[in-house]
Protein backbone atom coordinates (compact mmCIF):
# COMPACT_ATOMS: atom_id res chain seq x y z
CA MET A 1 28.58 -6.73 14.27
CA ASP A 2 25.00 -6.34 14.09
CA MET A 3 22.99 -6.72 16.99
CA VAL A 4 20.22 -9.32 16.55
CA ILE A 5 16.67 -9.44 18.48
CA LEU A 6 14.67 -12.25 18.12
CA GLY A 7 16.65 -13.20 15.35
CA VAL A 8 16.31 -10.24 12.99
CA PRO A 9 18.96 -7.44 12.84
CA LEU A 10 18.57 -4.72 14.96
CA LEU A 11 18.21 -2.22 11.95
CA ALA A 12 15.68 -4.67 9.97
CA LEU A 13 13.46 -4.48 12.99
CA VAL A 14 13.50 -0.96 13.36
CA GLY A 15 12.91 -0.74 9.74
CA PHE A 16 9.76 -2.91 10.48
CA LEU A 17 8.53 -1.03 13.49
CA PHE A 18 8.14 2.17 11.24
CA ALA A 19 7.20 0.64 8.30
CA SER A 20 4.44 -1.13 10.17
CA TYR A 21 3.00 2.13 11.58
CA SER A 22 3.80 4.55 8.99
CA ILE A 23 2.73 2.68 5.84
CA VAL A 24 -0.72 2.02 7.75
CA ALA A 25 -1.09 5.78 8.86
CA ASN A 26 -0.64 7.25 5.81
CA ASP A 27 -2.85 5.29 3.65
CA VAL A 28 -5.40 4.65 6.10
CA ILE A 29 -6.72 7.13 4.29
CA GLN A 30 -7.56 4.73 1.42
CA THR A 31 -8.51 1.64 3.43
CA LEU A 32 -10.05 2.57 6.66
CA GLY A 33 -10.88 5.94 5.97
CA THR A 34 -14.31 5.91 5.24
CA PHE A 35 -15.20 3.27 7.72
CA LEU A 36 -13.33 5.41 10.56
CA SER A 37 -15.39 8.28 9.08
CA SER A 38 -19.11 6.79 9.19
CA ASN A 39 -18.43 4.98 12.47
CA ALA A 40 -17.00 7.78 14.32
CA LYS A 41 -19.91 7.47 16.59
CA ARG A 42 -18.57 3.99 17.68
CA PRO A 43 -15.82 2.45 20.20
CA TRP A 44 -12.45 2.80 18.34
CA VAL A 45 -11.80 -0.26 20.28
CA LEU A 46 -14.83 -2.40 18.34
CA LEU A 47 -13.37 -0.92 15.12
CA TRP A 48 -9.85 -1.92 15.91
CA ALA A 49 -10.71 -5.63 17.22
CA TYR A 50 -12.45 -5.61 13.81
CA ALA A 51 -9.64 -4.26 11.27
CA SER A 52 -7.78 -6.44 13.47
CA ALA A 53 -9.35 -9.68 13.24
CA ILE A 54 -8.64 -9.33 9.53
CA ILE A 55 -5.03 -8.77 9.78
CA ILE A 56 -5.10 -11.78 11.49
CA ALA A 57 -6.84 -13.78 8.91
CA VAL A 58 -4.97 -12.53 6.06
CA MET A 59 -1.84 -13.42 7.88
CA ALA A 60 -2.93 -16.70 8.48
CA TYR A 61 -4.29 -17.22 4.71
CA GLY A 62 -0.89 -16.08 3.26
CA TRP A 63 1.51 -18.30 5.27
CA PHE A 64 -1.10 -21.27 4.41
CA ALA A 65 -1.87 -20.83 0.65
CA TYR A 66 1.37 -19.04 0.01
CA ASP A 67 3.67 -21.99 1.82
CA GLY A 68 5.13 -19.29 4.21
CA ASP A 69 5.03 -16.15 2.11
CA ILE A 70 3.07 -13.38 3.94
CA ALA A 71 4.48 -10.91 0.85
CA PHE A 72 1.60 -13.15 -1.24
CA GLY A 73 4.70 -13.15 -4.14
CA ARG A 74 5.25 -9.07 -4.41
CA LEU A 75 9.01 -9.82 -2.82
CA ASN A 76 9.81 -12.69 -5.49
CA ARG A 77 11.80 -9.72 -7.42
CA ILE A 78 13.49 -8.08 -4.70
CA PRO A 79 15.64 -10.20 -2.72
CA PHE A 80 16.88 -9.18 1.28
CA PRO A 81 19.69 -6.87 0.85
CA GLU A 82 23.29 -9.30 0.30
CA THR A 83 24.57 -6.53 2.97
CA GLY A 84 21.69 -6.68 5.20
CA ILE A 85 19.57 -4.14 6.12
CA GLN A 86 21.49 -0.63 6.46
CA TRP A 87 20.68 2.66 7.70
CA TRP A 88 19.24 4.25 4.13
CA HIS A 89 16.41 1.50 3.88
CA VAL A 90 15.41 2.68 7.48
CA LEU A 91 15.31 6.58 6.76
CA PRO A 92 11.96 6.29 4.22
CA PRO A 93 9.38 4.86 6.52
CA LEU A 94 11.02 7.64 8.95
CA VAL A 95 10.30 10.26 6.36
CA LEU A 96 7.35 8.71 5.61
CA LEU A 97 6.01 9.52 9.52
CA LEU A 98 6.95 13.03 9.31
CA LEU A 99 5.03 13.69 6.10
CA THR A 100 1.58 11.40 7.50
CA ARG A 101 2.15 13.80 10.15
CA PHE A 102 1.37 16.72 7.96
CA GLY A 103 -1.71 15.10 5.82
CA ILE A 104 0.31 14.55 3.41
CA PRO A 105 -0.60 11.41 1.10
CA VAL A 106 2.04 9.53 -0.70
CA SER A 107 3.08 6.32 -2.00
CA THR A 108 4.35 4.20 0.30
CA THR A 109 5.02 1.80 -2.40
CA PHE A 110 7.30 4.25 -4.30
CA LEU A 111 8.63 5.87 -1.15
CA VAL A 112 9.62 2.55 0.90
CA LEU A 113 10.77 0.32 -2.38
CA THR A 114 12.26 2.09 -4.36
CA ILE A 115 15.31 2.23 -2.65
CA PHE A 116 15.77 -1.65 -2.33
CA THR A 117 15.25 -2.13 -5.74
CA LEU A 118 17.55 1.68 -7.06
CA SER A 119 20.05 -0.28 -4.92
CA GLY A 120 19.64 -3.75 -5.60
CA GLY A 121 21.94 -4.28 -8.29
CA ALA A 122 21.12 -6.78 -11.22
CA ALA A 123 18.62 -9.21 -8.73
CA THR A 124 16.38 -5.87 -9.13
CA GLU A 125 16.88 -4.49 -12.77
CA GLY A 126 13.67 -3.45 -14.48
CA VAL A 127 11.49 -3.54 -11.34
CA LEU A 128 11.01 0.09 -10.59
CA GLY A 129 10.15 0.23 -14.34
CA SER A 130 7.51 -2.41 -14.06
CA MET A 131 6.28 -0.88 -11.02
CA LEU A 132 5.70 2.45 -12.63
CA VAL A 133 4.03 0.96 -15.42
CA LYS A 134 1.66 -1.12 -13.40
CA SER A 135 1.08 1.94 -11.30
CA PHE A 136 0.11 4.36 -14.17
CA ILE A 137 -2.21 1.80 -15.33
CA GLY A 138 -4.01 1.08 -12.29
CA TYR A 139 -4.24 5.04 -11.75
CA LEU A 140 -5.90 4.94 -15.52
CA VAL A 141 -8.20 1.84 -14.88
CA ALA A 142 -9.71 3.26 -11.40
CA PHE A 143 -9.58 6.60 -12.88
CA ALA A 144 -11.92 5.02 -15.82
CA ALA A 145 -14.32 2.91 -13.44
CA GLY A 146 -14.57 6.16 -10.66
CA ILE A 147 -16.25 7.78 -14.33
CA ALA A 148 -18.45 4.95 -15.57
CA VAL A 149 -19.96 3.75 -12.17
CA PHE A 150 -20.78 6.98 -10.83
CA LEU A 151 -22.07 8.59 -14.50
CA VAL A 152 -24.96 6.04 -13.91
CA ILE A 153 -25.55 5.61 -10.32
CA ALA A 154 -24.92 9.52 -9.27
CA ARG A 155 -27.65 11.58 -10.75
CA PHE A 156 -29.77 9.21 -8.78
CA PHE A 157 -27.73 7.52 -6.17
CA GLU A 158 -25.51 10.23 -4.62
CA ARG A 159 -28.21 12.86 -4.81
CA TRP A 160 -30.55 10.73 -3.22
CA VAL A 161 -27.61 10.22 -0.68
CA ALA A 162 -27.46 13.96 -0.25
CA ARG A 163 -30.82 14.35 -0.16
CA THR A 164 -31.14 11.93 2.83
CA LYS A 165 -27.83 13.31 4.77
CA GLY A 166 -29.16 13.15 8.78
CA GLN A 167 -32.21 10.90 8.44
CA PRO A 168 -31.87 7.21 9.52
CA ILE A 169 -29.87 5.06 7.55
CA SER A 170 -30.87 1.31 7.27
CA PRO A 171 -28.86 -1.04 8.97
CA PHE A 172 -28.36 -3.04 5.82
CA TRP A 173 -26.13 -0.57 4.79
CA PHE A 174 -23.99 -0.17 7.88
CA VAL A 175 -23.77 -4.34 7.22
CA ALA A 176 -22.79 -3.85 3.61
CA GLN A 177 -20.01 -1.48 4.40
CA TRP A 178 -18.19 -3.39 6.96
CA CYS A 179 -18.45 -6.33 4.95
CA SER A 180 -17.10 -4.02 2.14
CA THR A 181 -14.60 -2.87 4.41
CA ALA A 182 -13.35 -6.16 5.11
CA PHE A 183 -13.02 -6.93 1.11
CA LEU A 184 -10.86 -3.96 0.53
CA TRP A 185 -8.59 -4.45 3.63
CA ALA A 186 -7.43 -7.85 3.11
CA GLN A 187 -7.02 -7.04 -0.54
CA TRP A 188 -4.68 -3.75 0.49
CA LEU A 189 -3.12 -6.05 2.86
CA MET A 190 -2.29 -8.75 0.43
CA GLN A 191 -0.86 -5.83 -1.83
CA ASP A 192 1.13 -3.57 0.57
CA LEU A 193 2.13 -6.03 3.17
CA ALA A 194 5.45 -6.47 0.73
CA ASN A 195 6.41 -2.85 1.72
CA ILE A 196 6.58 -3.84 5.51
CA PHE A 197 8.13 -7.27 5.58
CA ILE A 198 10.91 -5.88 3.00
CA PHE A 199 12.69 -5.23 6.49
CA LEU A 200 12.57 -8.85 7.47
CA PRO A 201 15.04 -11.96 6.53
CA ARG A 202 13.23 -14.61 4.73
CA GLU A 203 14.04 -17.41 2.84
CA THR A 204 14.06 -17.23 -1.48
CA VAL A 205 14.69 -20.45 -3.19
CA VAL A 206 14.55 -20.10 -7.14
CA ALA A 207 13.92 -23.19 -8.78
CA ALA A 208 15.17 -24.61 -12.47
CA ASP A 209 11.66 -23.58 -14.08
CA GLY A 210 12.16 -20.13 -12.64
CA SER A 211 9.47 -19.76 -9.96
CA VAL A 212 10.33 -18.14 -7.10
CA GLN A 213 9.45 -19.24 -3.22
CA VAL A 214 9.88 -16.46 -0.68
CA THR A 215 9.00 -17.77 3.26
CA PHE A 216 9.06 -16.37 6.08
CA SER A 217 9.76 -18.26 9.42
CA LEU A 218 6.69 -18.86 11.69
CA GLY A 219 8.18 -17.34 14.50
CA LEU A 220 8.82 -14.04 13.10
CA VAL A 221 5.29 -14.31 11.68
CA VAL A 222 3.14 -14.48 15.13
CA PHE A 223 5.86 -11.61 16.28
CA ALA A 224 4.93 -9.39 13.48
CA THR A 225 1.32 -9.99 13.00
CA LEU A 226 1.41 -9.23 17.16
CA LEU A 227 3.35 -6.28 16.50
CA MET A 228 1.56 -4.78 13.98
CA VAL A 229 -2.21 -5.30 15.57
CA ALA A 230 -0.59 -3.42 18.89
CA LEU A 231 0.33 -0.10 16.24
CA HIS A 232 -2.91 -0.04 14.61
CA GLY A 233 -4.41 0.73 18.16
CA ILE A 234 -2.76 3.82 17.51
CA ILE A 235 -4.21 4.69 14.33
CA PHE A 236 -7.79 3.81 15.01
CA ALA A 237 -7.83 5.48 18.92
CA THR A 238 -6.39 9.06 16.44
CA ARG A 239 -9.03 7.93 14.53
CA GLY A 240 -6.80 7.99 11.47
CA GLY A 241 -5.00 11.46 12.52
CA GLU A 242 -4.33 14.50 9.94
CA ILE A 243 -4.01 12.20 6.88
CA GLN A 244 -7.92 11.59 7.68
CA LYS A 245 -9.03 15.13 6.62
CA ILE A 246 -8.61 14.25 2.86
CA ILE A 247 -11.58 11.86 2.66
CA LEU A 248 -13.41 14.46 4.42
CA THR A 249 -13.32 16.88 1.60
CA LYS A 250 -14.82 14.24 -0.97
CA THR A 251 -18.66 14.07 -1.62
CA ASN A 252 -20.63 12.14 0.68
CA THR A 253 -17.81 9.63 1.82
CA VAL A 254 -18.58 9.88 5.44
CA ASP A 255 -21.85 8.38 4.74
CA PRO A 256 -21.83 4.13 4.93
CA ARG A 257 -23.78 4.00 2.00
CA SER A 258 -21.69 6.17 -0.49
CA ALA A 259 -18.60 4.36 1.09
CA THR A 260 -19.36 0.96 0.10
CA PHE A 261 -19.64 1.61 -3.18
CA VAL A 262 -15.68 3.48 -2.98
CA ASP A 263 -14.67 0.48 -0.86
CA LEU A 264 -15.80 -2.38 -3.15
CA ILE A 265 -15.10 -0.68 -6.65
CA TYR A 266 -11.85 0.24 -5.56
CA ALA A 267 -11.51 -3.64 -4.07
CA LEU A 268 -12.08 -5.02 -7.19
CA ILE A 269 -9.79 -3.09 -8.59
CA LEU A 270 -7.13 -4.65 -6.29
CA LEU A 271 -7.97 -8.04 -6.61
CA TYR A 272 -7.49 -7.86 -10.22
CA PHE A 273 -3.91 -6.42 -10.31
CA LYS A 274 -3.24 -8.55 -7.58
CA GLU A 275 -4.14 -11.48 -9.93
CA LEU A 276 -2.41 -10.09 -12.94
CA ASN A 277 1.10 -10.32 -11.91
CA ASP A 278 3.50 -10.26 -8.68
CA VAL A 279 4.96 -6.54 -9.26
CA PRO A 280 4.35 -4.39 -6.42
CA MET A 281 2.31 -1.95 -7.67
CA SER A 282 0.84 1.80 -6.05
CA THR A 283 -2.58 1.30 -4.22
CA THR A 284 -1.90 5.17 -3.58
CA TRP A 285 -2.33 5.66 -6.99
CA VAL A 286 -5.23 3.53 -7.38
CA PHE A 287 -7.33 5.28 -5.21
CA LEU A 288 -6.18 8.66 -6.07
CA GLY A 289 -7.49 7.70 -9.50
CA LEU A 290 -10.96 6.44 -8.28
CA LEU A 291 -11.54 9.21 -6.40
CA ALA A 292 -10.72 11.74 -9.35
CA GLY A 293 -13.08 10.28 -11.44
CA ARG A 294 -15.83 9.47 -8.81
CA GLU A 295 -15.74 13.61 -8.32
CA ILE A 296 -15.52 14.44 -11.97
CA ALA A 297 -18.32 12.08 -12.79
CA ILE A 298 -20.52 13.56 -9.22
CA THR A 299 -19.84 16.75 -10.52
CA TYR A 300 -20.80 17.16 -13.79
CA VAL A 301 -24.15 14.68 -13.28
CA ALA A 302 -25.00 15.42 -10.14
CA SER A 303 -24.18 18.91 -9.43
CA LEU A 304 -23.22 18.40 -5.46
CA ARG A 305 -19.95 20.84 -5.98
CA SER A 306 -19.10 23.39 -8.13
CA LYS A 307 -16.63 21.87 -11.60
CA GLY A 308 -13.76 24.20 -10.32
CA GLU A 309 -13.55 23.00 -7.03
CA ALA A 310 -13.70 19.52 -7.95
CA MET A 311 -10.77 19.84 -10.70
CA VAL A 312 -8.54 21.84 -8.13
CA ASP A 313 -9.12 19.01 -5.56
CA VAL A 314 -8.49 16.45 -7.98
CA ALA A 315 -5.13 18.22 -9.23
CA SER A 316 -4.29 18.37 -5.68
CA ASP A 317 -4.03 14.84 -5.27
CA MET A 318 -2.24 14.36 -8.41
CA MET A 319 0.35 16.94 -7.13
CA ARG A 320 0.23 14.75 -4.04
CA ALA A 321 1.16 11.59 -5.70
CA GLY A 322 3.75 13.05 -7.98
CA LEU A 323 5.98 14.95 -5.01
CA GLY A 324 5.54 11.29 -3.32
CA LEU A 325 7.07 9.71 -6.59
CA ALA A 326 10.35 12.42 -6.88
CA VAL A 327 11.20 12.43 -3.34
CA SER A 328 11.09 8.35 -3.47
CA VAL A 329 13.57 8.64 -6.41
CA ALA A 330 15.50 11.23 -4.56
CA MET A 331 15.71 9.83 -1.71
CA ALA A 332 16.75 6.14 -3.44
CA ILE A 333 19.47 7.89 -5.00
CA ALA A 334 21.07 10.19 -2.52
CA LEU A 335 21.04 8.19 0.29
CA PRO A 336 22.88 5.55 -0.72
CA PHE A 337 25.75 7.84 -2.44
CA MET A 338 26.40 9.52 0.92
CA ALA A 339 27.21 6.21 2.55
CA THR A 340 29.08 4.50 -0.46
CA GLY A 341 29.81 7.28 -2.56
CA SER A 342 28.14 5.42 -6.05
CA LEU A 343 25.37 5.66 -7.94
CA PRO A 344 22.61 3.56 -8.74
CA ASP A 345 22.40 2.63 -12.63
CA VAL A 346 18.90 4.50 -12.76
CA ARG A 347 18.57 3.90 -16.11
CA GLN A 348 19.11 0.49 -15.80
CA GLN A 349 17.22 0.01 -12.98
CA ILE A 350 13.91 1.22 -14.40
CA PHE A 351 14.25 0.04 -18.07
CA GLY A 352 16.44 -3.22 -17.27
CA SER A 353 19.88 -5.05 -18.70
CA SER A 354 19.68 -5.34 -22.51
CA GLU A 355 22.05 -8.25 -21.82
CA PRO A 356 20.32 -11.55 -21.90
CA ALA A 357 19.06 -12.61 -18.35
CA VAL A 358 20.85 -15.49 -16.45
CA GLU A 359 18.26 -18.50 -16.06
CA HIS A 360 16.96 -18.41 -12.72
CA GLY A 361 18.05 -21.85 -11.93
CA ALA A 362 21.73 -21.36 -13.29
CA SER A 363 23.08 -21.44 -9.92
CA PRO A 364 21.24 -21.96 -6.14
CA THR A 365 20.69 -18.72 -4.27
CA PRO A 366 23.25 -17.69 -1.63
CA ALA A 367 22.39 -17.48 1.87
CA SER A 368 23.04 -13.60 1.98
CA ALA A 369 20.20 -13.23 -0.45
CA ARG A 370 18.04 -14.96 0.79
CA GLY A 371 18.28 -13.08 4.34
CA LEU A 372 19.61 -15.97 6.53
CA PRO A 373 21.24 -14.87 9.22
């Protein structure tokens, strides 16, 4: 019988611990990277307290506004595994820790959730395909937005930022950046908390009209929030670690004036896709798309770096994203096969079944699917 701590099976708790740290540590470049870089001279404790206050606010908002669903609907289509959390579910966040240590940015959504979708049986048919489509569209939208916005402002704004680098900056820009960071950090949490909380037991109720309500216990939410805040202290104390170097290669991103625009545009795109539907998506792909469009626009309009250097930078980021997806799918297929000897039907899990779907309200959701002890 599995050991249970605070009502959570031991493996589920271990998976949550790894995910809580590794997901934010890898994604810090897209959410807090510009914030950490442009505030490098400020005490890390102050920056950590600010980000932690937003975590607590988002958790409280999710609990009250979404009736206990702090995954913000992103786990509606990915139920808790009927057999509980297994060792192959826990391994991807551990691999993510290693990738982060070497400064390799990957899609944490695909790396963590793919194994749940490919091994979820009929309950998750087509979910991985929907995730891929939404993430690819997110990349294209962000790429187009990056080009469109910075084609307009790069010639004057980015040149002005580059020309005045090292000079005193108006306090207005620091206030603006802290506000845009809060907006972005909140939107990212609403998108990616599902990647962390997927390891924890939850109750899933499917109504007769097909609507789904996922609920986490209040005690578990409080415990998880405090634990995440504590783990974030490590990330801020190390100023983002190796992965933070990705931000430093981009034009003007350490300047709070440019960082404000990047964060604001990125947050608005995440907000749009959050409201679009409840399918999880790769925020990493969106971020890389935005940076790619921005770098190309700045290079061709403001000539702040060579075209060849910019294209190599963009291609390198795309290769890393592709590598992360390949590793995610390979692990999701190989690990359960090693444990059970059976392969998932990848085609069915990506494209869905051709058989007519059973109405959600046909039968009550069993306790095992709800993740209840």
